[in-house]
Amino acid sequence: MRRSVAARRTLPTSPFKARIETPRKHFAVGDRVTHDTYGLGRAIEVEGDSDIAVLVDFGSRRERITQPYATMYKL
């Protein structure tokens, strides 16, 4: 059985709060970033308009960070 792709609608009289979608983070080549685990780095490659992954050079290592970018922030 397949799940519906449509978004759930919340009723105005519902006692539950509607889910708020967090804005997507977009990175470009050359952006300075910080990561909670790896520290400071620079984006050197972006896959799929940063919807798939970002390759980041952290100096001593290069890491491919995938969506969601919960622990990576643009400086």
N, C-alpha and C. Protein backbone atom coordinates (compact mmCIF):
# COMPACT_ATOMS: atom_id res chain seq x y z
N MET A 1 0.84 -1.18 0.00
CA MET A 1 0.00 0.00 0.00
C MET A 1 0.88 1.25 0.00
N ARG A 2 0.55 2.22 -0.82
CA ARG A 2 1.34 3.45 -0.95
C ARG A 2 0.78 4.56 -0.09
N ARG A 3 1.69 5.36 0.45
CA ARG A 3 1.26 6.53 1.22
C ARG A 3 0.96 7.68 0.29
N SER A 4 0.04 8.50 0.68
CA SER A 4 -0.32 9.67 -0.11
C SER A 4 0.78 10.72 -0.03
N VAL A 5 1.02 11.41 -1.13
CA VAL A 5 2.05 12.43 -1.19
C VAL A 5 1.51 13.78 -0.73
N ALA A 6 0.20 13.91 -0.68
CA ALA A 6 -0.42 15.18 -0.32
C ALA A 6 -0.10 15.55 1.13
N ALA A 7 0.01 16.84 1.38
CA ALA A 7 0.28 17.33 2.73
C ALA A 7 -0.98 17.22 3.59
N ARG A 8 -0.76 16.98 4.86
CA ARG A 8 -1.90 16.89 5.76
C ARG A 8 -2.46 18.27 6.04
N ARG A 9 -3.75 18.35 6.10
CA ARG A 9 -4.42 19.60 6.37
C ARG A 9 -4.86 19.59 7.82
N THR A 10 -4.60 20.66 8.54
CA THR A 10 -5.05 20.77 9.93
C THR A 10 -6.32 21.60 9.98
N LEU A 11 -7.21 21.16 10.78
CA LEU A 11 -8.48 21.87 10.91
C LEU A 11 -8.30 23.09 11.81
N PRO A 12 -9.01 24.17 11.55
CA PRO A 12 -8.87 25.37 12.37
C PRO A 12 -9.29 25.14 13.82
N THR A 13 -10.13 24.16 14.06
CA THR A 13 -10.61 23.90 15.42
C THR A 13 -9.78 22.84 16.15
N SER A 14 -8.71 22.37 15.51
CA SER A 14 -7.90 21.31 16.10
C SER A 14 -7.11 21.85 17.29
N PRO A 15 -7.02 21.08 18.38
CA PRO A 15 -6.22 21.52 19.53
C PRO A 15 -4.73 21.33 19.32
N PHE A 16 -4.34 20.64 18.24
CA PHE A 16 -2.93 20.38 17.97
C PHE A 16 -2.37 21.42 17.03
N LYS A 17 -1.13 21.80 17.26
CA LYS A 17 -0.49 22.81 16.41
C LYS A 17 -0.10 22.19 15.07
N ALA A 18 -0.20 22.99 14.03
CA ALA A 18 0.20 22.54 12.70
C ALA A 18 1.72 22.46 12.64
N ARG A 19 2.24 21.49 11.90
CA ARG A 19 3.69 21.36 11.75
C ARG A 19 4.21 22.49 10.89
N ILE A 20 5.28 23.08 11.34
CA ILE A 20 5.91 24.18 10.60
C ILE A 20 7.14 23.60 9.91
N GLU A 21 7.18 23.72 8.59
CA GLU A 21 8.31 23.19 7.84
C GLU A 21 9.48 24.15 7.99
N THR A 22 10.64 23.60 8.38
CA THR A 22 11.83 24.42 8.53
C THR A 22 12.36 24.79 7.15
N PRO A 23 12.87 25.98 7.00
CA PRO A 23 13.40 26.38 5.69
C PRO A 23 14.61 25.53 5.32
N ARG A 24 14.71 25.17 4.04
CA ARG A 24 15.83 24.37 3.57
C ARG A 24 17.09 25.22 3.49
N LYS A 25 18.21 24.62 3.85
CA LYS A 25 19.49 25.31 3.77
C LYS A 25 20.09 25.07 2.39
N HIS A 26 20.58 26.14 1.78
CA HIS A 26 21.21 26.05 0.47
C HIS A 26 22.63 26.55 0.58
N PHE A 27 23.55 25.79 0.02
CA PHE A 27 24.96 26.15 0.04
C PHE A 27 25.48 26.26 -1.38
N ALA A 28 26.48 27.11 -1.58
CA ALA A 28 27.11 27.30 -2.88
C ALA A 28 28.60 27.04 -2.75
N VAL A 29 29.25 26.78 -3.88
CA VAL A 29 30.69 26.55 -3.87
C VAL A 29 31.38 27.80 -3.35
N GLY A 30 32.29 27.63 -2.42
CA GLY A 30 33.02 28.75 -1.84
C GLY A 30 32.45 29.26 -0.53
N ASP A 31 31.27 28.80 -0.13
CA ASP A 31 30.68 29.24 1.14
C ASP A 31 31.51 28.74 2.32
N ARG A 32 31.73 29.61 3.29
CA ARG A 32 32.37 29.20 4.54
C ARG A 32 31.29 28.63 5.43
N VAL A 33 31.56 27.46 6.03
CA VAL A 33 30.57 26.78 6.86
C VAL A 33 31.21 26.34 8.17
N THR A 34 30.35 26.06 9.13
CA THR A 34 30.80 25.45 10.38
C THR A 34 29.93 24.23 10.63
N HIS A 35 30.57 23.18 11.13
CA HIS A 35 29.89 21.92 11.41
C HIS A 35 30.14 21.58 12.87
N ASP A 36 29.13 21.07 13.55
CA ASP A 36 29.26 20.77 14.97
C ASP A 36 30.33 19.71 15.26
N THR A 37 30.56 18.79 14.36
CA THR A 37 31.55 17.73 14.58
C THR A 37 32.90 18.06 13.99
N TYR A 38 32.93 18.60 12.74
CA TYR A 38 34.18 18.77 12.01
C TYR A 38 34.78 20.17 12.12
N GLY A 39 34.03 21.16 12.54
CA GLY A 39 34.55 22.51 12.71
C GLY A 39 34.35 23.39 11.48
N LEU A 40 35.32 24.30 11.24
CA LEU A 40 35.22 25.26 10.14
C LEU A 40 35.66 24.62 8.84
N GLY A 41 34.99 25.02 7.74
CA GLY A 41 35.35 24.50 6.43
C GLY A 41 34.83 25.37 5.31
N ARG A 42 35.09 24.92 4.08
CA ARG A 42 34.64 25.64 2.89
C ARG A 42 34.02 24.63 1.94
N ALA A 43 32.84 24.98 1.40
CA ALA A 43 32.16 24.12 0.44
C ALA A 43 32.94 24.13 -0.87
N ILE A 44 33.33 22.94 -1.35
CA ILE A 44 34.12 22.86 -2.58
C ILE A 44 33.34 22.22 -3.73
N GLU A 45 32.24 21.54 -3.41
CA GLU A 45 31.40 20.95 -4.45
C GLU A 45 29.98 20.82 -3.94
N VAL A 46 29.02 21.10 -4.82
CA VAL A 46 27.61 21.02 -4.46
C VAL A 46 26.92 20.06 -5.42
N GLU A 47 26.17 19.09 -4.87
CA GLU A 47 25.46 18.12 -5.70
C GLU A 47 23.98 18.46 -5.73
N GLY A 48 23.44 18.60 -6.91
CA GLY A 48 22.01 18.81 -7.08
C GLY A 48 21.49 20.10 -6.46
N ASP A 49 22.15 21.22 -6.70
CA ASP A 49 21.71 22.52 -6.16
C ASP A 49 21.59 22.46 -4.65
N SER A 50 22.50 21.76 -4.00
CA SER A 50 22.61 21.54 -2.56
C SER A 50 21.40 20.82 -1.97
N ASP A 51 20.59 20.18 -2.82
CA ASP A 51 19.49 19.38 -2.32
C ASP A 51 19.92 17.96 -2.00
N ILE A 52 21.05 17.52 -2.55
CA ILE A 52 21.52 16.15 -2.32
C ILE A 52 22.64 16.13 -1.29
N ALA A 53 23.75 16.80 -1.59
CA ALA A 53 24.90 16.77 -0.68
C ALA A 53 25.84 17.94 -0.99
N VAL A 54 26.73 18.20 -0.03
CA VAL A 54 27.75 19.23 -0.17
C VAL A 54 29.08 18.62 0.26
N LEU A 55 30.11 18.75 -0.58
CA LEU A 55 31.45 18.29 -0.24
C LEU A 55 32.18 19.46 0.40
N VAL A 56 32.64 19.26 1.63
CA VAL A 56 33.25 20.35 2.40
C VAL A 56 34.69 19.99 2.74
N ASP A 57 35.59 20.95 2.54
CA ASP A 57 37.00 20.80 2.90
C ASP A 57 37.18 21.41 4.28
N PHE A 58 37.52 20.57 5.27
CA PHE A 58 37.71 21.04 6.64
C PHE A 58 39.19 21.19 6.98
N GLY A 59 40.05 21.27 5.97
CA GLY A 59 41.48 21.43 6.20
C GLY A 59 42.18 20.09 6.25
N SER A 60 41.97 19.33 7.30
CA SER A 60 42.63 18.04 7.45
C SER A 60 41.86 16.91 6.78
N ARG A 61 40.61 17.14 6.43
CA ARG A 61 39.79 16.10 5.81
C ARG A 61 38.71 16.72 4.94
N ARG A 62 38.19 15.92 4.02
CA ARG A 62 37.05 16.32 3.20
C ARG A 62 35.90 15.40 3.54
N GLU A 63 34.74 15.99 3.76
CA GLU A 63 33.55 15.22 4.12
C GLU A 63 32.40 15.56 3.19
N ARG A 64 31.63 14.54 2.84
CA ARG A 64 30.42 14.72 2.03
C ARG A 64 29.25 14.75 3.01
N ILE A 65 28.62 15.91 3.17
CA ILE A 65 27.53 16.11 4.11
C ILE A 65 26.22 16.06 3.31
N THR A 66 25.29 15.20 3.74
CA THR A 66 24.02 15.04 3.03
C THR A 66 22.89 15.73 3.78
N GLN A 67 21.74 15.86 3.10
CA GLN A 67 20.55 16.45 3.71
C GLN A 67 20.08 15.58 4.86
N PRO A 68 19.48 16.04 5.89
CA PRO A 68 19.31 17.44 6.26
C PRO A 68 20.58 17.97 6.90
N TYR A 69 20.86 19.21 6.67
CA TYR A 69 22.07 19.84 7.18
C TYR A 69 21.82 20.38 8.58
N ALA A 70 21.41 19.52 9.49
CA ALA A 70 21.01 19.97 10.83
C ALA A 70 22.19 20.53 11.63
N THR A 71 23.39 19.99 11.41
CA THR A 71 24.53 20.41 12.22
C THR A 71 25.52 21.27 11.44
N MET A 72 25.13 21.75 10.26
CA MET A 72 26.02 22.58 9.45
C MET A 72 25.34 23.92 9.19
N TYR A 73 26.12 25.00 9.36
CA TYR A 73 25.60 26.33 9.21
C TYR A 73 26.51 27.17 8.35
N LYS A 74 25.93 28.05 7.54
CA LYS A 74 26.69 28.97 6.70
C LYS A 74 27.14 30.15 7.55
N LEU A 75 28.40 30.55 7.36
CA LEU A 75 28.93 31.71 8.10
C LEU A 75 28.78 32.97 7.30
